[in-house]
Amino acid sequence: MKIKMRPYDIVLNILCIILLIGIVIYLIVRWGSIPEQVPGHFNLSGDVTRWDSKETLIVLPIIAWIIFIGFSILEQFPQIWNTGVRITQENMYHVFSILKTLLSTIKLLIVATFVSITVIQSLALGLSWWVLLYPILIIGTVIFNLVRLVKAR
């Protein structure tokens, strides 16, 4: 069964692609001005605890691209999703639509997280408090959509 992409899903996918292409362009354009040593690890306070060579900056965008592609492929096969609710003919489309929204939103939040951290590393900064918003938004998205899912059964 194929779930039709709604405008919300299309917008999120476009935003993901813009962020992914944008971070590649950003790194190419700024490569010469990025310090040779960039933050490689942060503690819970956001302080840098390890410094790495700037070449490590390409790791997070590559992982973000892999996650984007993987989630995009996964979205095409709702029959393999673990829905957590019993699927019937009556609720199938609604349940799968909720899960597609969940996947699309989490995909964008993960891509945005990786892009943000890459920029922060390239500027040799510590992590700010606002980076904690990403996991909070991911958890909130999961909870919100699980509630919707339970109601849809």
C-alpha atoms as a PDB file:
ATOM      1  CA  MET A   1       0.000   0.000   0.000  1.00  0.00           C
ATOM      2  CA  LYS A   2       1.321   3.412  -0.930  1.00  0.00           C
ATOM      3  CA  ILE A   3       0.498   6.380   1.282  1.00  0.00           C
ATOM      4  CA  LYS A   4       0.004   9.581  -0.664  1.00  0.00           C
ATOM      5  CA  MET A   5       2.387  12.396   0.286  1.00  0.00           C
ATOM      6  CA  ARG A   6       0.471  15.248   1.802  1.00  0.00           C
ATOM      7  CA  PRO A   7       1.610  18.882   1.524  1.00  0.00           C
ATOM      8  CA  TYR A   8       3.058  18.666   5.061  1.00  0.00           C
ATOM      9  CA  ASP A   9       5.288  15.734   4.078  1.00  0.00           C
ATOM     10  CA  ILE A  10       6.338  17.440   0.847  1.00  0.00           C
ATOM     11  CA  VAL A  11       7.324  20.635   2.690  1.00  0.00           C
ATOM     12  CA  LEU A  12       9.342  18.689   5.269  1.00  0.00           C
ATOM     13  CA  ASN A  13      11.165  16.761   2.550  1.00  0.00           C
ATOM     14  CA  ILE A  14      11.972  19.995   0.717  1.00  0.00           C
ATOM     15  CA  LEU A  15      13.275  21.514   3.964  1.00  0.00           C
ATOM     16  CA  CYS A  16      15.452  18.441   4.539  1.00  0.00           C
ATOM     17  CA  ILE A  17      16.914  18.674   1.047  1.00  0.00           C
ATOM     18  CA  ILE A  18      17.536  22.412   1.445  1.00  0.00           C
ATOM     19  CA  LEU A  19      19.337  21.790   4.758  1.00  0.00           C
ATOM     20  CA  LEU A  20      21.375  18.894   3.364  1.00  0.00           C
ATOM     21  CA  ILE A  21      22.436  20.718   0.212  1.00  0.00           C
ATOM     22  CA  GLY A  22      22.950  23.884   2.246  1.00  0.00           C
ATOM     23  CA  ILE A  23      25.370  22.246   4.686  1.00  0.00           C
ATOM     24  CA  VAL A  24      27.400  20.803   1.814  1.00  0.00           C
ATOM     25  CA  ILE A  25      27.600  24.223   0.141  1.00  0.00           C
ATOM     26  CA  TYR A  26      28.371  25.868   3.497  1.00  0.00           C
ATOM     27  CA  LEU A  27      31.301  23.520   4.131  1.00  0.00           C
ATOM     28  CA  ILE A  28      32.658  23.936   0.595  1.00  0.00           C
ATOM     29  CA  VAL A  29      32.451  27.741   0.723  1.00  0.00           C
ATOM     30  CA  ARG A  30      33.816  28.092   4.268  1.00  0.00           C
ATOM     31  CA  TRP A  31      36.375  25.251   4.183  1.00  0.00           C
ATOM     32  CA  GLY A  32      39.385  27.569   3.929  1.00  0.00           C
ATOM     33  CA  SER A  33      38.304  29.652   6.924  1.00  0.00           C
ATOM     34  CA  ILE A  34      37.382  26.750   9.211  1.00  0.00           C
ATOM     35  CA  PRO A  35      40.000  26.234  11.947  1.00  0.00           C
ATOM     36  CA  GLU A  36      42.219  23.165  11.597  1.00  0.00           C
ATOM     37  CA  GLN A  37      40.942  21.912  14.977  1.00  0.00           C
ATOM     38  CA  VAL A  38      37.191  21.829  15.617  1.00  0.00           C
ATOM     39  CA  PRO A  39      35.156  20.570  18.569  1.00  0.00           C
ATOM     40  CA  GLY A  40      34.785  16.811  18.372  1.00  0.00           C
ATOM     41  CA  HIS A  41      32.863  16.131  21.566  1.00  0.00           C
ATOM     42  CA  PHE A  42      30.846  18.091  24.091  1.00  0.00           C
ATOM     43  CA  ASN A  43      29.938  17.412  27.710  1.00  0.00           C
ATOM     44  CA  LEU A  44      26.426  17.844  29.105  1.00  0.00           C
ATOM     45  CA  SER A  45      27.171  21.507  29.846  1.00  0.00           C
ATOM     46  CA  GLY A  46      27.955  22.098  26.167  1.00  0.00           C
ATOM     47  CA  ASP A  47      31.670  22.572  26.774  1.00  0.00           C
ATOM     48  CA  VAL A  48      34.146  21.133  24.290  1.00  0.00           C
ATOM     49  CA  THR A  49      35.845  18.028  25.726  1.00  0.00           C
ATOM     50  CA  ARG A  50      37.730  16.869  22.622  1.00  0.00           C
ATOM     51  CA  TRP A  51      39.130  18.603  19.562  1.00  0.00           C
ATOM     52  CA  ASP A  52      39.415  16.904  16.165  1.00  0.00           C
ATOM     53  CA  SER A  53      40.706  17.827  12.740  1.00  0.00           C
ATOM     54  CA  LYS A  54      38.329  19.785  10.540  1.00  0.00           C
ATOM     55  CA  GLU A  55      38.047  16.821   8.180  1.00  0.00           C
ATOM     56  CA  THR A  56      35.728  15.213  10.740  1.00  0.00           C
ATOM     57  CA  LEU A  57      33.137  17.871   9.833  1.00  0.00           C
ATOM     58  CA  ILE A  58      32.083  15.788   6.848  1.00  0.00           C
ATOM     59  CA  VAL A  59      30.928  12.883   9.048  1.00  0.00           C
ATOM     60  CA  LEU A  60      27.661  14.389  10.360  1.00  0.00           C
ATOM     61  CA  PRO A  61      26.424  15.597   6.948  1.00  0.00           C
ATOM     62  CA  ILE A  62      27.141  12.141   5.492  1.00  0.00           C
ATOM     63  CA  ILE A  63      25.214  10.502   8.335  1.00  0.00           C
ATOM     64  CA  ALA A  64      22.396  13.029   7.861  1.00  0.00           C
ATOM     65  CA  TRP A  65      22.201  12.166   4.143  1.00  0.00           C
ATOM     66  CA  ILE A  66      22.132   8.430   4.962  1.00  0.00           C
ATOM     67  CA  ILE A  67      19.353   8.942   7.528  1.00  0.00           C
ATOM     68  CA  PHE A  68      17.376  11.099   5.088  1.00  0.00           C
ATOM     69  CA  ILE A  69      17.648   8.502   2.320  1.00  0.00           C
ATOM     70  CA  GLY A  70      16.926   5.620   4.716  1.00  0.00           C
ATOM     71  CA  PHE A  71      13.830   7.293   6.176  1.00  0.00           C
ATOM     72  CA  SER A  72      12.662   8.264   2.678  1.00  0.00           C
ATOM     73  CA  ILE A  73      12.894   4.623   1.574  1.00  0.00           C
ATOM     74  CA  LEU A  74      11.254   3.392   4.790  1.00  0.00           C
ATOM     75  CA  GLU A  75       8.331   5.777   4.250  1.00  0.00           C
ATOM     76  CA  GLN A  76       7.507   3.913   1.029  1.00  0.00           C
ATOM     77  CA  PHE A  77       6.815   0.605   2.820  1.00  0.00           C
ATOM     78  CA  PRO A  78       4.142   1.133   5.504  1.00  0.00           C
ATOM     79  CA  GLN A  79       3.423  -2.589   5.603  1.00  0.00           C
ATOM     80  CA  ILE A  80       6.747  -3.150   7.442  1.00  0.00           C
ATOM     81  CA  TRP A  81       6.167  -0.435  10.053  1.00  0.00           C
ATOM     82  CA  ASN A  82       5.527  -1.505  13.616  1.00  0.00           C
ATOM     83  CA  THR A  83       2.351   0.449  14.191  1.00  0.00           C
ATOM     84  CA  GLY A  84       1.631  -0.532  17.786  1.00  0.00           C
ATOM     85  CA  VAL A  85      -2.060  -0.809  16.914  1.00  0.00           C
ATOM     86  CA  ARG A  86      -4.109  -3.418  15.121  1.00  0.00           C
ATOM     87  CA  ILE A  87      -4.491  -2.508  11.462  1.00  0.00           C
ATOM     88  CA  THR A  88      -7.904  -2.952   9.890  1.00  0.00           C
ATOM     89  CA  GLN A  89      -9.250  -1.971   6.492  1.00  0.00           C
ATOM     90  CA  GLU A  90     -11.112   0.882   8.187  1.00  0.00           C
ATOM     91  CA  ASN A  91      -8.143   2.428  10.011  1.00  0.00           C
ATOM     92  CA  MET A  92      -5.250   1.448   7.733  1.00  0.00           C
ATOM     93  CA  TYR A  93      -4.949   4.680   5.763  1.00  0.00           C
ATOM     94  CA  HIS A  94      -5.359   6.909   8.829  1.00  0.00           C
ATOM     95  CA  VAL A  95      -2.831   4.936  10.917  1.00  0.00           C
ATOM     96  CA  PHE A  96      -0.273   4.882   8.118  1.00  0.00           C
ATOM     97  CA  SER A  97      -0.769   8.617   7.500  1.00  0.00           C
ATOM     98  CA  ILE A  98      -0.060   9.355  11.167  1.00  0.00           C
ATOM     99  CA  LEU A  99       3.088   7.235  11.059  1.00  0.00           C
ATOM    100  CA  LYS A 100       4.215   8.868   7.821  1.00  0.00           C
ATOM    101  CA  THR A 101       3.839  12.270   9.494  1.00  0.00           C
ATOM    102  CA  LEU A 102       5.842  10.973  12.461  1.00  0.00           C
ATOM    103  CA  LEU A 103       8.637   9.705  10.212  1.00  0.00           C
ATOM    104  CA  SER A 104       8.733  12.891   8.121  1.00  0.00           C
ATOM    105  CA  THR A 105       8.895  15.113  11.195  1.00  0.00           C
ATOM    106  CA  ILE A 106      11.587  13.058  12.920  1.00  0.00           C
ATOM    107  CA  LYS A 107      13.564  12.968   9.679  1.00  0.00           C
ATOM    108  CA  LEU A 108      13.565  16.772   9.513  1.00  0.00           C
ATOM    109  CA  LEU A 109      14.498  17.140  13.191  1.00  0.00           C
ATOM    110  CA  ILE A 110      17.415  14.708  12.865  1.00  0.00           C
ATOM    111  CA  VAL A 111      18.701  16.423   9.724  1.00  0.00           C
ATOM    112  CA  ALA A 112      18.363  19.842  11.396  1.00  0.00           C
ATOM    113  CA  THR A 113      20.216  18.551  14.472  1.00  0.00           C
ATOM    114  CA  PHE A 114      23.126  17.243  12.430  1.00  0.00           C
ATOM    115  CA  VAL A 115      23.305  20.400  10.314  1.00  0.00           C
ATOM    116  CA  SER A 116      23.238  22.629  13.415  1.00  0.00           C
ATOM    117  CA  ILE A 117      25.981  20.677  15.153  1.00  0.00           C
ATOM    118  CA  THR A 118      28.121  20.755  12.003  1.00  0.00           C
ATOM    119  CA  VAL A 119      27.829  24.551  11.830  1.00  0.00           C
ATOM    120  CA  ILE A 120      28.593  24.879  15.549  1.00  0.00           C
ATOM    121  CA  GLN A 121      31.656  22.665  15.155  1.00  0.00           C
ATOM    122  CA  SER A 122      32.852  24.584  12.103  1.00  0.00           C
ATOM    123  CA  LEU A 123      32.706  27.808  14.119  1.00  0.00           C
ATOM    124  CA  ALA A 124      34.611  26.121  16.984  1.00  0.00           C
ATOM    125  CA  LEU A 125      31.834  26.949  19.443  1.00  0.00           C
ATOM    126  CA  GLY A 126      30.452  25.097  22.427  1.00  0.00           C
ATOM    127  CA  LEU A 127      26.909  23.786  22.311  1.00  0.00           C
ATOM    128  CA  SER A 128      24.201  26.226  23.320  1.00  0.00           C
ATOM    129  CA  TRP A 129      21.153  25.376  25.397  1.00  0.00           C
ATOM    130  CA  TRP A 130      18.903  25.594  22.337  1.00  0.00           C
ATOM    131  CA  VAL A 131      20.456  22.441  20.861  1.00  0.00           C
ATOM    132  CA  LEU A 132      18.559  20.579  23.597  1.00  0.00           C
ATOM    133  CA  LEU A 133      15.365  21.624  21.843  1.00  0.00           C
ATOM    134  CA  TYR A 134      15.944  18.989  19.143  1.00  0.00           C
ATOM    135  CA  PRO A 135      15.657  15.930  21.428  1.00  0.00           C
ATOM    136  CA  ILE A 136      12.747  17.576  23.237  1.00  0.00           C
ATOM    137  CA  LEU A 137      11.004  18.176  19.899  1.00  0.00           C
ATOM    138  CA  ILE A 138      11.704  14.600  18.782  1.00  0.00           C
ATOM    139  CA  ILE A 139      10.282  13.151  22.018  1.00  0.00           C
ATOM    140  CA  GLY A 140       7.319  15.539  21.812  1.00  0.00           C
ATOM    141  CA  THR A 141       6.668  14.513  18.209  1.00  0.00           C
ATOM    142  CA  VAL A 142       6.728  10.837  19.138  1.00  0.00           C
ATOM    143  CA  ILE A 143       4.362  11.339  22.090  1.00  0.00           C
ATOM    144  CA  PHE A 144       1.978  13.558  20.086  1.00  0.00           C
ATOM    145  CA  ASN A 145       1.768  11.061  17.227  1.00  0.00           C
ATOM    146  CA  LEU A 146       1.478   8.037  19.535  1.00  0.00           C
ATOM    147  CA  VAL A 147      -1.548   9.682  21.145  1.00  0.00           C
ATOM    148  CA  ARG A 148      -3.003  10.269  17.668  1.00  0.00           C
ATOM    149  CA  LEU A 149      -2.226   6.647  16.799  1.00  0.00           C
ATOM    150  CA  VAL A 150      -4.004   5.272  19.875  1.00  0.00           C
ATOM    151  CA  LYS A 151      -7.054   7.403  19.053  1.00  0.00           C
ATOM    152  CA  ALA A 152      -7.025   6.166  15.451  1.00  0.00           C
ATOM    153  CA  ARG A 153      -7.438   2.520  16.331  1.00  0.00           C
END
